[in-house]
Each structure stands twice: as structure tokens, then as C-alpha cells.
Amino acid sequence: MKALLKLGALAVFAVLLSSELTFAQERGKGNRPSPNASVSQDIGSTTVSITYGRPGLKGRSLASLAKPDQVWRTGANESTVITFSDDVMFGGKEVKAGTYSLYTIPGENWTFILNNKLSWGTQYDKSEDVLRVPAAVTTEGASSFERFTIYFDTLSDTKAHLNLQWGKTMTAIPITTK
């Protein structure tokens, strides 16, 4: 009888555990408050791809979410990742083909940072920086974006601008192929 009770308790525990694991998986990447997004652009024969999380303002100020003068992961969830299929000029500085974390420092002007460390969210390590490039910011005349958005424009055969926009704040960096 004791063995039967133990077996029954074990079965109930297994059912509860499996339902919790199923629920945790359902809450996974697809149901995040900040959904993931990817954008890819061919610039000549070079492909630039970015994967990032898209937080929403939800009535909050940009400065409360991406603190001025502090390194920001440039999105939500995991670090934003940028991949170059070939060597490029990023904001006028040479970058080797490869995959990097993309960080920024918001402020009156923004700083774009490419970093070698590919990791979850906030584990930024300045010693892994490949480069830092300043970029001007505009808030005049821009459409307002509720969700943080990364996109390309000003495309030519050898150049495109990588744009970051959230609320009415927009900054861009040129990417030029060799």
C-alpha cells in the first residue's frame, strides 16, 4: 500500500513538473514583452544582419530605459548582435567580417560600440570593444516609434545607413563596403 501511495505521489509530481516546463516553454522567446526582430541588408556583395529585442516605451521616457551616458545593450533581452559577411567601414572605421555585439551610449550624441563578447544582456566588457564611433542624434521631424526599431536606408551599391529609432529619437551610422 505504501509503495502504491509513493508511486501515485510520484506520478502527480511528474505531471505537475511537466506542465510547469510546458508553461515555461510557452512563455519563452515568442511571448516576451519585448519581441525579438531581425533585419538584414545587402550592400553590394556584403550582407549585414542584426538580431535584437524591441522594447516598447509604454508611456515611459526613452531616458528612463536607455540611460544617458551609460552603455546600453541597444535593445532588450539578449545583446543585440550584428554580423558582417565581409570587411566593412563602420562609421568610417575598418571592421573585419564577423559577428559582434552592438552597444550604444545614448546622450546628446550617441556612441556606437562594436564588442567581441557575445553574451546575454548586460554582461558588457569594455576590454572586448572593437571600436567606438560617435553619431549625431535628431529628434526633429522624425516619426514617433513606440517600439525600438533598427532599419537601413540611404542605400547605394557600396553604402547604407544603419538607423536606430525609438520615440522621436533617431541616430544613424554609415556602413560602407570595400
N, C-alpha and C. Protein backbone atom coordinates (compact mmCIF):
# COMPACT_ATOMS: atom_id res chain seq x y z
N MET A 1 0.82 -1.20 0.00
CA MET A 1 0.00 0.00 0.00
C MET A 1 0.87 1.27 0.00
N LYS A 2 1.95 1.26 0.86
CA LYS A 2 2.84 2.41 0.90
C LYS A 2 3.51 2.63 -0.45
N ALA A 3 3.89 1.55 -1.08
CA ALA A 3 4.53 1.65 -2.40
C ALA A 3 3.58 2.25 -3.41
N LEU A 4 2.31 1.89 -3.34
CA LEU A 4 1.30 2.43 -4.26
C LEU A 4 1.10 3.92 -4.02
N LEU A 5 1.08 4.35 -2.73
CA LEU A 5 0.94 5.77 -2.42
C LEU A 5 2.16 6.56 -2.93
N LYS A 6 3.35 6.00 -2.73
CA LYS A 6 4.57 6.66 -3.22
C LYS A 6 4.55 6.78 -4.73
N LEU A 7 4.12 5.72 -5.39
CA LEU A 7 4.04 5.73 -6.85
C LEU A 7 3.03 6.77 -7.33
N GLY A 8 1.89 6.86 -6.64
CA GLY A 8 0.87 7.85 -7.00
C GLY A 8 1.37 9.27 -6.80
N ALA A 9 2.05 9.50 -5.67
CA ALA A 9 2.61 10.83 -5.39
C ALA A 9 3.66 11.20 -6.43
N LEU A 10 4.47 10.22 -6.81
CA LEU A 10 5.49 10.46 -7.83
C LEU A 10 4.85 10.80 -9.17
N ALA A 11 3.77 10.12 -9.50
CA ALA A 11 3.07 10.40 -10.77
C ALA A 11 2.49 11.80 -10.77
N VAL A 12 1.88 12.22 -9.66
CA VAL A 12 1.32 13.58 -9.56
C VAL A 12 2.44 14.61 -9.70
N PHE A 13 3.56 14.37 -9.02
CA PHE A 13 4.70 15.28 -9.11
C PHE A 13 5.20 15.39 -10.55
N ALA A 14 5.29 14.27 -11.24
CA ALA A 14 5.77 14.27 -12.63
C ALA A 14 4.83 15.06 -13.53
N VAL A 15 3.52 14.91 -13.34
CA VAL A 15 2.55 15.66 -14.14
C VAL A 15 2.68 17.15 -13.87
N LEU A 16 2.79 17.53 -12.60
CA LEU A 16 2.93 18.95 -12.26
C LEU A 16 4.22 19.53 -12.83
N LEU A 17 5.30 18.79 -12.72
CA LEU A 17 6.58 19.26 -13.25
C LEU A 17 6.52 19.43 -14.77
N SER A 18 5.95 18.46 -15.46
CA SER A 18 5.90 18.56 -16.92
C SER A 18 5.00 19.70 -17.37
N SER A 19 3.91 19.97 -16.64
CA SER A 19 3.05 21.09 -17.03
C SER A 19 3.75 22.42 -16.78
N GLU A 20 4.56 22.52 -15.72
CA GLU A 20 5.32 23.75 -15.47
C GLU A 20 6.38 23.95 -16.54
N LEU A 21 7.04 22.89 -16.96
CA LEU A 21 8.04 23.01 -18.02
C LEU A 21 7.39 23.43 -19.33
N THR A 22 6.22 22.90 -19.62
CA THR A 22 5.50 23.29 -20.83
C THR A 22 5.12 24.76 -20.76
N PHE A 23 4.63 25.21 -19.59
CA PHE A 23 4.26 26.61 -19.42
C PHE A 23 5.48 27.51 -19.59
N ALA A 24 6.61 27.10 -19.02
CA ALA A 24 7.84 27.90 -19.14
C ALA A 24 8.27 28.01 -20.59
N GLN A 25 8.14 26.93 -21.36
CA GLN A 25 8.49 26.99 -22.77
C GLN A 25 7.55 27.91 -23.53
N GLU A 26 6.26 27.89 -23.19
CA GLU A 26 5.30 28.76 -23.86
C GLU A 26 5.59 30.22 -23.56
N ARG A 27 6.14 30.51 -22.37
CA ARG A 27 6.49 31.87 -22.01
C ARG A 27 7.79 32.29 -22.67
N GLY A 28 8.47 31.39 -23.31
CA GLY A 28 9.79 31.62 -23.87
C GLY A 28 9.87 32.76 -24.84
N LYS A 29 10.74 32.66 -25.80
CA LYS A 29 11.08 33.75 -26.70
C LYS A 29 9.88 34.34 -27.42
N GLY A 30 8.88 33.55 -27.75
CA GLY A 30 7.76 34.06 -28.51
C GLY A 30 6.81 34.95 -27.73
N ASN A 31 6.82 34.85 -26.40
CA ASN A 31 5.87 35.60 -25.59
C ASN A 31 6.54 36.66 -24.72
N ARG A 32 7.65 37.16 -25.12
CA ARG A 32 8.37 38.17 -24.35
C ARG A 32 7.67 39.52 -24.46
N PRO A 33 7.76 40.33 -23.41
CA PRO A 33 7.23 41.69 -23.51
C PRO A 33 7.95 42.51 -24.59
N SER A 34 9.22 42.17 -24.84
CA SER A 34 10.00 42.82 -25.89
C SER A 34 10.30 41.78 -26.96
N PRO A 35 9.50 41.74 -28.03
CA PRO A 35 9.70 40.70 -29.04
C PRO A 35 11.03 40.86 -29.77
N ASN A 36 11.57 39.74 -30.21
CA ASN A 36 12.80 39.77 -30.99
C ASN A 36 12.50 40.13 -32.44
N ALA A 37 13.50 40.71 -33.10
CA ALA A 37 13.37 41.06 -34.52
C ALA A 37 14.73 40.87 -35.18
N SER A 38 14.70 40.74 -36.48
CA SER A 38 15.92 40.65 -37.28
C SER A 38 15.76 41.55 -38.50
N VAL A 39 16.86 42.14 -38.91
CA VAL A 39 16.89 42.93 -40.13
C VAL A 39 18.19 42.60 -40.85
N SER A 40 18.11 42.49 -42.16
CA SER A 40 19.28 42.14 -42.95
C SER A 40 19.28 43.00 -44.20
N GLN A 41 20.47 43.43 -44.62
CA GLN A 41 20.57 44.27 -45.81
C GLN A 41 21.81 43.88 -46.59
N ASP A 42 21.64 43.68 -47.89
CA ASP A 42 22.79 43.51 -48.77
C ASP A 42 23.25 44.88 -49.21
N ILE A 43 24.54 45.13 -49.05
CA ILE A 43 25.18 46.35 -49.52
C ILE A 43 26.24 45.89 -50.50
N GLY A 44 25.93 45.99 -51.78
CA GLY A 44 26.80 45.37 -52.78
C GLY A 44 26.77 43.87 -52.56
N SER A 45 27.94 43.26 -52.44
CA SER A 45 28.00 41.81 -52.21
C SER A 45 28.13 41.47 -50.72
N THR A 46 28.06 42.47 -49.85
CA THR A 46 28.18 42.27 -48.41
C THR A 46 26.80 42.23 -47.77
N THR A 47 26.59 41.27 -46.88
CA THR A 47 25.34 41.20 -46.13
C THR A 47 25.59 41.63 -44.69
N VAL A 48 24.74 42.54 -44.20
CA VAL A 48 24.78 42.97 -42.81
C VAL A 48 23.47 42.51 -42.17
N SER A 49 23.58 41.74 -41.08
CA SER A 49 22.40 41.21 -40.40
C SER A 49 22.43 41.60 -38.93
N ILE A 50 21.26 41.92 -38.39
CA ILE A 50 21.15 42.33 -36.99
C ILE A 50 19.98 41.58 -36.36
N THR A 51 20.19 41.08 -35.14
CA THR A 51 19.14 40.47 -34.35
C THR A 51 19.08 41.22 -33.03
N TYR A 52 17.87 41.61 -32.62
CA TYR A 52 17.73 42.45 -31.43
C TYR A 52 16.35 42.29 -30.80
N GLY A 53 16.22 42.75 -29.57
CA GLY A 53 14.93 42.80 -28.89
C GLY A 53 14.33 44.18 -29.05
N ARG A 54 12.99 44.26 -29.16
CA ARG A 54 12.31 45.53 -29.43
C ARG A 54 11.46 45.98 -28.24
N PRO A 55 12.08 46.63 -27.24
CA PRO A 55 11.29 47.12 -26.12
C PRO A 55 10.33 48.22 -26.57
N GLY A 56 9.26 48.39 -25.82
CA GLY A 56 8.30 49.45 -26.09
C GLY A 56 8.40 50.54 -25.04
N LEU A 57 8.08 51.76 -25.41
CA LEU A 57 8.10 52.86 -24.45
C LEU A 57 7.00 52.68 -23.39
N LYS A 58 5.81 52.29 -23.80
CA LYS A 58 4.69 52.02 -22.88
C LYS A 58 4.49 53.15 -21.87
N GLY A 59 4.52 54.39 -22.38
CA GLY A 59 4.30 55.56 -21.53
C GLY A 59 5.53 56.03 -20.77
N ARG A 60 6.64 55.35 -20.93
CA ARG A 60 7.87 55.74 -20.24
C ARG A 60 8.72 56.61 -21.15
N SER A 61 9.68 57.31 -20.56
CA SER A 61 10.59 58.12 -21.37
C SER A 61 11.75 57.26 -21.85
N LEU A 62 12.31 57.63 -23.00
CA LEU A 62 13.48 56.93 -23.53
C LEU A 62 14.62 56.97 -22.52
N ALA A 63 14.83 58.12 -21.88
CA ALA A 63 15.93 58.26 -20.93
C ALA A 63 15.79 57.35 -19.71
N SER A 64 14.57 56.94 -19.39
CA SER A 64 14.39 56.03 -18.25
C SER A 64 14.73 54.59 -18.62
N LEU A 65 14.75 54.28 -19.91
CA LEU A 65 15.02 52.92 -20.37
C LEU A 65 16.43 52.75 -20.93
N ALA A 66 16.91 53.75 -21.63
CA ALA A 66 18.27 53.77 -22.17
C ALA A 66 18.94 54.99 -21.53
N LYS A 67 19.56 54.77 -20.39
CA LYS A 67 20.07 55.86 -19.56
C LYS A 67 21.15 56.67 -20.28
N PRO A 68 21.02 58.00 -20.26
CA PRO A 68 22.04 58.85 -20.90
C PRO A 68 23.43 58.60 -20.30
N ASP A 69 24.41 58.60 -21.18
CA ASP A 69 25.82 58.47 -20.81
C ASP A 69 26.17 57.14 -20.15
N GLN A 70 25.32 56.11 -20.36
CA GLN A 70 25.61 54.76 -19.86
C GLN A 70 25.51 53.77 -21.01
N VAL A 71 26.35 52.75 -20.98
CA VAL A 71 26.30 51.73 -22.03
C VAL A 71 24.95 51.03 -21.98
N TRP A 72 24.33 50.90 -23.15
CA TRP A 72 23.02 50.25 -23.30
C TRP A 72 23.16 49.11 -24.29
N ARG A 73 22.49 48.02 -24.05
CA ARG A 73 22.60 46.84 -24.93
C ARG A 73 21.91 47.04 -26.28
N THR A 74 21.32 48.20 -26.50
CA THR A 74 20.73 48.56 -27.80
C THR A 74 19.58 47.62 -28.16
N GLY A 75 18.67 47.50 -27.23
CA GLY A 75 17.51 46.64 -27.39
C GLY A 75 17.15 46.03 -26.06
N ALA A 76 16.53 44.86 -26.10
CA ALA A 76 16.12 44.17 -24.88
C ALA A 76 16.53 42.71 -24.98
N ASN A 77 16.39 42.01 -23.85
CA ASN A 77 16.69 40.58 -23.78
C ASN A 77 18.18 40.36 -24.01
N GLU A 78 18.55 39.51 -24.95
CA GLU A 78 19.96 39.25 -25.23
C GLU A 78 20.60 40.50 -25.85
N SER A 79 21.93 40.50 -25.85
CA SER A 79 22.64 41.59 -26.51
C SER A 79 22.25 41.63 -27.99
N THR A 80 22.22 42.83 -28.53
CA THR A 80 21.99 42.99 -29.97
C THR A 80 23.23 42.48 -30.70
N VAL A 81 23.01 41.69 -31.75
CA VAL A 81 24.11 41.07 -32.48
C VAL A 81 24.09 41.56 -33.93
N ILE A 82 25.26 41.97 -34.42
CA ILE A 82 25.40 42.41 -35.81
C ILE A 82 26.47 41.55 -36.48
N THR A 83 26.17 41.11 -37.70
CA THR A 83 27.09 40.26 -38.46
C THR A 83 27.39 40.91 -39.81
N PHE A 84 28.67 40.96 -40.15
CA PHE A 84 29.13 41.44 -41.45
C PHE A 84 29.71 40.26 -42.21
N SER A 85 29.22 40.01 -43.42
CA SER A 85 29.74 38.88 -44.20
C SER A 85 31.13 39.16 -44.77
N ASP A 86 31.47 40.43 -44.90
CA ASP A 86 32.78 40.86 -45.42
C ASP A 86 33.27 42.03 -44.59
N ASP A 87 34.54 42.38 -44.75
CA ASP A 87 35.08 43.57 -44.09
C ASP A 87 34.30 44.80 -44.54
N VAL A 88 34.07 45.74 -43.61
CA VAL A 88 33.34 46.97 -43.92
C VAL A 88 34.01 48.15 -43.21
N MET A 89 33.54 49.34 -43.57
CA MET A 89 33.85 50.55 -42.82
C MET A 89 32.58 50.87 -42.04
N PHE A 90 32.69 50.94 -40.73
CA PHE A 90 31.55 51.20 -39.85
C PHE A 90 31.78 52.56 -39.22
N GLY A 91 31.01 53.55 -39.67
CA GLY A 91 31.23 54.90 -39.18
C GLY A 91 32.61 55.42 -39.52
N GLY A 92 33.16 54.96 -40.65
CA GLY A 92 34.47 55.41 -41.09
C GLY A 92 35.64 54.62 -40.52
N LYS A 93 35.35 53.60 -39.71
CA LYS A 93 36.41 52.78 -39.13
C LYS A 93 36.32 51.36 -39.66
N GLU A 94 37.48 50.76 -39.93
CA GLU A 94 37.52 49.43 -40.52
C GLU A 94 37.09 48.36 -39.51
N VAL A 95 36.24 47.45 -39.99
CA VAL A 95 35.77 46.32 -39.18
C VAL A 95 35.92 45.05 -40.01
N LYS A 96 36.49 44.03 -39.40
CA LYS A 96 36.65 42.73 -40.07
C LYS A 96 35.32 42.00 -40.14
N ALA A 97 35.16 41.16 -41.15
CA ALA A 97 33.97 40.31 -41.26
C ALA A 97 33.84 39.51 -39.96
N GLY A 98 32.60 39.33 -39.51
CA GLY A 98 32.38 38.57 -38.29
C GLY A 98 31.11 39.02 -37.59
N THR A 99 30.93 38.50 -36.39
CA THR A 99 29.75 38.79 -35.57
C THR A 99 30.19 39.51 -34.31
N TYR A 100 29.47 40.57 -33.97
CA TYR A 100 29.79 41.42 -32.83
C TYR A 100 28.52 41.75 -32.05
N SER A 101 28.68 42.08 -30.77
CA SER A 101 27.59 42.68 -30.01
C SER A 101 27.58 44.16 -30.35
N LEU A 102 26.38 44.72 -30.47
CA LEU A 102 26.23 46.15 -30.74
C LEU A 102 25.67 46.82 -29.49
N TYR A 103 26.46 47.70 -28.92
CA TYR A 103 26.03 48.51 -27.78
C TYR A 103 26.02 49.96 -28.21
N THR A 104 25.33 50.78 -27.45
CA THR A 104 25.35 52.22 -27.68
C THR A 104 25.42 52.94 -26.34
N ILE A 105 25.85 54.19 -26.41
CA ILE A 105 25.79 55.08 -25.26
C ILE A 105 24.91 56.25 -25.68
N PRO A 106 23.66 56.29 -25.19
CA PRO A 106 22.77 57.40 -25.53
C PRO A 106 23.23 58.69 -24.87
N GLY A 107 22.86 59.79 -25.47
CA GLY A 107 23.19 61.09 -24.92
C GLY A 107 22.85 62.17 -25.92
N GLU A 108 23.45 63.35 -25.74
CA GLU A 108 23.25 64.43 -26.70
C GLU A 108 23.68 63.97 -28.08
N ASN A 109 24.79 63.29 -28.15
CA ASN A 109 25.20 62.49 -29.31
C ASN A 109 25.30 61.06 -28.80
N TRP A 110 25.14 60.09 -29.68
CA TRP A 110 25.23 58.69 -29.27
C TRP A 110 26.58 58.14 -29.69
N THR A 111 27.01 57.09 -29.00
CA THR A 111 28.21 56.37 -29.38
C THR A 111 27.82 54.94 -29.72
N PHE A 112 28.20 54.48 -30.91
CA PHE A 112 28.01 53.09 -31.32
C PHE A 112 29.24 52.31 -30.88
N ILE A 113 29.04 51.13 -30.32
CA ILE A 113 30.14 50.28 -29.86
C ILE A 113 29.98 48.89 -30.48
N LEU A 114 31.03 48.41 -31.12
CA LEU A 114 31.08 47.00 -31.54
C LEU A 114 31.99 46.29 -30.56
N ASN A 115 31.52 45.15 -30.05
CA ASN A 115 32.20 44.44 -28.99
C ASN A 115 32.32 42.96 -29.36
N ASN A 116 33.44 42.35 -29.03
CA ASN A 116 33.68 40.94 -29.36
C ASN A 116 32.90 39.97 -28.49
N LYS A 117 32.46 40.38 -27.32
CA LYS A 117 31.82 39.45 -26.39
C LYS A 117 30.35 39.27 -26.77
N LEU A 118 30.00 38.06 -27.14
CA LEU A 118 28.63 37.72 -27.50
C LEU A 118 28.01 37.04 -26.29
N SER A 119 27.14 37.77 -25.57
CA SER A 119 26.62 37.23 -24.31
C SER A 119 25.23 37.76 -24.04
N TRP A 120 24.61 37.20 -23.02
CA TRP A 120 23.30 37.64 -22.58
C TRP A 120 23.38 39.06 -22.06
N GLY A 121 22.45 39.88 -22.47
CA GLY A 121 22.14 41.20 -21.95
C GLY A 121 23.22 42.11 -21.44
N THR A 122 23.38 42.16 -20.13
CA THR A 122 24.14 43.25 -19.53
C THR A 122 25.60 42.91 -19.22
N GLN A 123 26.12 41.82 -19.72
CA GLN A 123 27.49 41.44 -19.39
C GLN A 123 28.49 42.16 -20.30
N TYR A 124 28.38 43.46 -20.34
CA TYR A 124 29.26 44.27 -21.18
C TYR A 124 30.67 44.28 -20.60
N ASP A 125 31.66 44.12 -21.46
CA ASP A 125 33.07 44.12 -21.06
C ASP A 125 33.82 45.08 -21.98
N LYS A 126 34.15 46.26 -21.46
CA LYS A 126 34.80 47.29 -22.26
C LYS A 126 36.10 46.81 -22.90
N SER A 127 36.80 45.89 -22.24
CA SER A 127 38.08 45.40 -22.79
C SER A 127 37.88 44.62 -24.09
N GLU A 128 36.64 44.23 -24.39
CA GLU A 128 36.32 43.49 -25.62
C GLU A 128 35.86 44.41 -26.76
N ASP A 129 35.88 45.74 -26.52
CA ASP A 129 35.47 46.68 -27.57
C ASP A 129 36.38 46.58 -28.79
N VAL A 130 35.77 46.53 -29.96
CA VAL A 130 36.50 46.57 -31.23
C VAL A 130 36.63 48.01 -31.67
N LEU A 131 35.56 48.77 -31.49
CA LEU A 131 35.59 50.20 -31.84
C LEU A 131 34.44 50.94 -31.18
N ARG A 132 34.60 52.25 -31.12
CA ARG A 132 33.55 53.17 -30.69
C ARG A 132 33.49 54.28 -31.72
N VAL A 133 32.26 54.61 -32.13
CA VAL A 133 32.07 55.63 -33.16
C VAL A 133 30.96 56.58 -32.71
N PRO A 134 31.23 57.90 -32.68
CA PRO A 134 30.17 58.84 -32.32
C PRO A 134 29.18 59.03 -33.47
N ALA A 135 27.94 59.37 -33.11
CA ALA A 135 26.91 59.61 -34.12
C ALA A 135 25.97 60.70 -33.64
N ALA A 136 25.58 61.56 -34.56
CA ALA A 136 24.64 62.64 -34.24
C ALA A 136 23.25 62.06 -34.00
N VAL A 137 22.45 62.81 -33.26
CA VAL A 137 21.07 62.42 -32.94
C VAL A 137 20.13 63.49 -33.47
N THR A 138 18.98 63.05 -33.95
CA THR A 138 17.95 64.00 -34.33
C THR A 138 16.64 63.63 -33.65
N THR A 139 15.89 64.63 -33.27
CA THR A 139 14.54 64.42 -32.72
C THR A 139 13.53 65.28 -33.46
N GLU A 140 14.01 66.08 -34.39
CA GLU A 140 13.15 67.00 -35.14
C GLU A 140 12.55 66.32 -36.35
N GLY A 141 11.25 66.39 -36.48
CA GLY A 141 10.58 65.93 -37.68
C GLY A 141 10.50 64.42 -37.84
N ALA A 142 11.05 63.68 -36.91
CA ALA A 142 11.01 62.22 -37.03
C ALA A 142 9.65 61.69 -36.61
N SER A 143 9.22 60.63 -37.25
CA SER A 143 8.01 59.93 -36.81
C SER A 143 8.31 59.32 -35.45
N SER A 144 7.28 59.14 -34.64
CA SER A 144 7.47 58.53 -33.33
C SER A 144 7.27 57.02 -33.42
N PHE A 145 8.24 56.27 -32.91
CA PHE A 145 8.18 54.81 -32.91
C PHE A 145 7.97 54.34 -31.47
N GLU A 146 6.86 53.67 -31.19
CA GLU A 146 6.59 53.12 -29.86
C GLU A 146 7.63 52.06 -29.50
N ARG A 147 7.94 51.19 -30.45
CA ARG A 147 8.93 50.13 -30.21
C ARG A 147 10.27 50.52 -30.82
N PHE A 148 11.32 50.19 -30.09
CA PHE A 148 12.67 50.40 -30.59
C PHE A 148 12.82 49.69 -31.93
N THR A 149 13.37 50.40 -32.93
CA THR A 149 13.45 49.86 -34.28
C THR A 149 14.82 50.11 -34.89
N ILE A 150 15.36 49.08 -35.53
CA ILE A 150 16.60 49.19 -36.28
C ILE A 150 16.27 48.95 -37.75
N TYR A 151 16.74 49.84 -38.62
CA TYR A 151 16.47 49.69 -40.05
C TYR A 151 17.59 50.33 -40.86
N PHE A 152 17.62 50.01 -42.14
CA PHE A 152 18.60 50.56 -43.07
C PHE A 152 17.91 51.52 -44.02
N ASP A 153 18.62 52.58 -44.43
CA ASP A 153 18.14 53.44 -45.51
C ASP A 153 19.35 54.07 -46.20
N THR A 154 19.08 55.01 -47.11
CA THR A 154 20.13 55.67 -47.89
C THR A 154 21.04 54.63 -48.54
N LEU A 155 20.43 53.65 -49.17
CA LEU A 155 21.15 52.53 -49.75
C LEU A 155 21.71 52.86 -51.13
N SER A 156 22.98 52.52 -51.34
CA SER A 156 23.60 52.58 -52.67
C SER A 156 24.32 51.26 -52.90
N ASP A 157 25.08 51.16 -53.97
CA ASP A 157 25.80 49.92 -54.26
C ASP A 157 26.91 49.63 -53.24
N THR A 158 27.38 50.67 -52.55
CA THR A 158 28.51 50.47 -51.63
C THR A 158 28.27 51.01 -50.22
N LYS A 159 27.08 51.57 -49.96
CA LYS A 159 26.88 52.24 -48.68
C LYS A 159 25.41 52.17 -48.25
N ALA A 160 25.20 52.13 -46.93
CA ALA A 160 23.86 52.25 -46.35
C ALA A 160 24.01 52.87 -44.97
N HIS A 161 22.94 53.46 -44.49
CA HIS A 161 22.92 53.96 -43.12
C HIS A 161 22.16 52.97 -42.25
N LEU A 162 22.77 52.63 -41.12
CA LEU A 162 22.12 51.83 -40.10
C LEU A 162 21.46 52.80 -39.13
N ASN A 163 20.13 52.73 -39.03
CA ASN A 163 19.37 53.66 -38.20
C ASN A 163 18.83 52.98 -36.96
N LEU A 164 18.89 53.69 -35.84
CA LEU A 164 18.24 53.29 -34.60
C LEU A 164 17.20 54.35 -34.29
N GLN A 165 15.96 53.93 -34.05
CA GLN A 165 14.93 54.91 -33.73
C GLN A 165 14.02 54.39 -32.63
N TRP A 166 13.71 55.31 -31.70
CA TRP A 166 12.81 54.99 -30.60
C TRP A 166 12.18 56.29 -30.14
N GLY A 167 10.86 56.31 -30.03
CA GLY A 167 10.18 57.57 -29.79
C GLY A 167 10.47 58.47 -30.98
N LYS A 168 10.86 59.71 -30.71
CA LYS A 168 11.24 60.62 -31.79
C LYS A 168 12.76 60.75 -31.91
N THR A 169 13.49 59.94 -31.17
CA THR A 169 14.95 59.97 -31.21
C THR A 169 15.46 59.03 -32.29
N MET A 170 16.33 59.56 -33.16
CA MET A 170 16.88 58.76 -34.25
C MET A 170 18.37 59.08 -34.39
N THR A 171 19.17 58.03 -34.55
CA THR A 171 20.58 58.18 -34.83
C THR A 171 20.96 57.19 -35.92
N ALA A 172 22.00 57.49 -36.66
CA ALA A 172 22.39 56.63 -37.78
C ALA A 172 23.91 56.60 -37.90
N ILE A 173 24.39 55.50 -38.47
CA ILE A 173 25.82 55.34 -38.71
C ILE A 173 26.00 54.79 -40.12
N PRO A 174 26.93 55.33 -40.90
CA PRO A 174 27.13 54.79 -42.25
C PRO A 174 27.93 53.49 -42.22
N ILE A 175 27.53 52.57 -43.08
CA ILE A 175 28.28 51.33 -43.30
C ILE A 175 28.67 51.33 -44.77
N THR A 176 29.96 51.22 -45.03
CA THR A 176 30.48 51.24 -46.40
C THR A 176 31.22 49.94 -46.67
N THR A 177 30.96 49.37 -47.84
CA THR A 177 31.67 48.14 -48.21
C THR A 177 32.98 48.51 -48.89
N LYS A 178 33.89 47.58 -48.91
CA LYS A 178 35.21 47.84 -49.51
C LYS A 178 35.20 47.50 -50.97
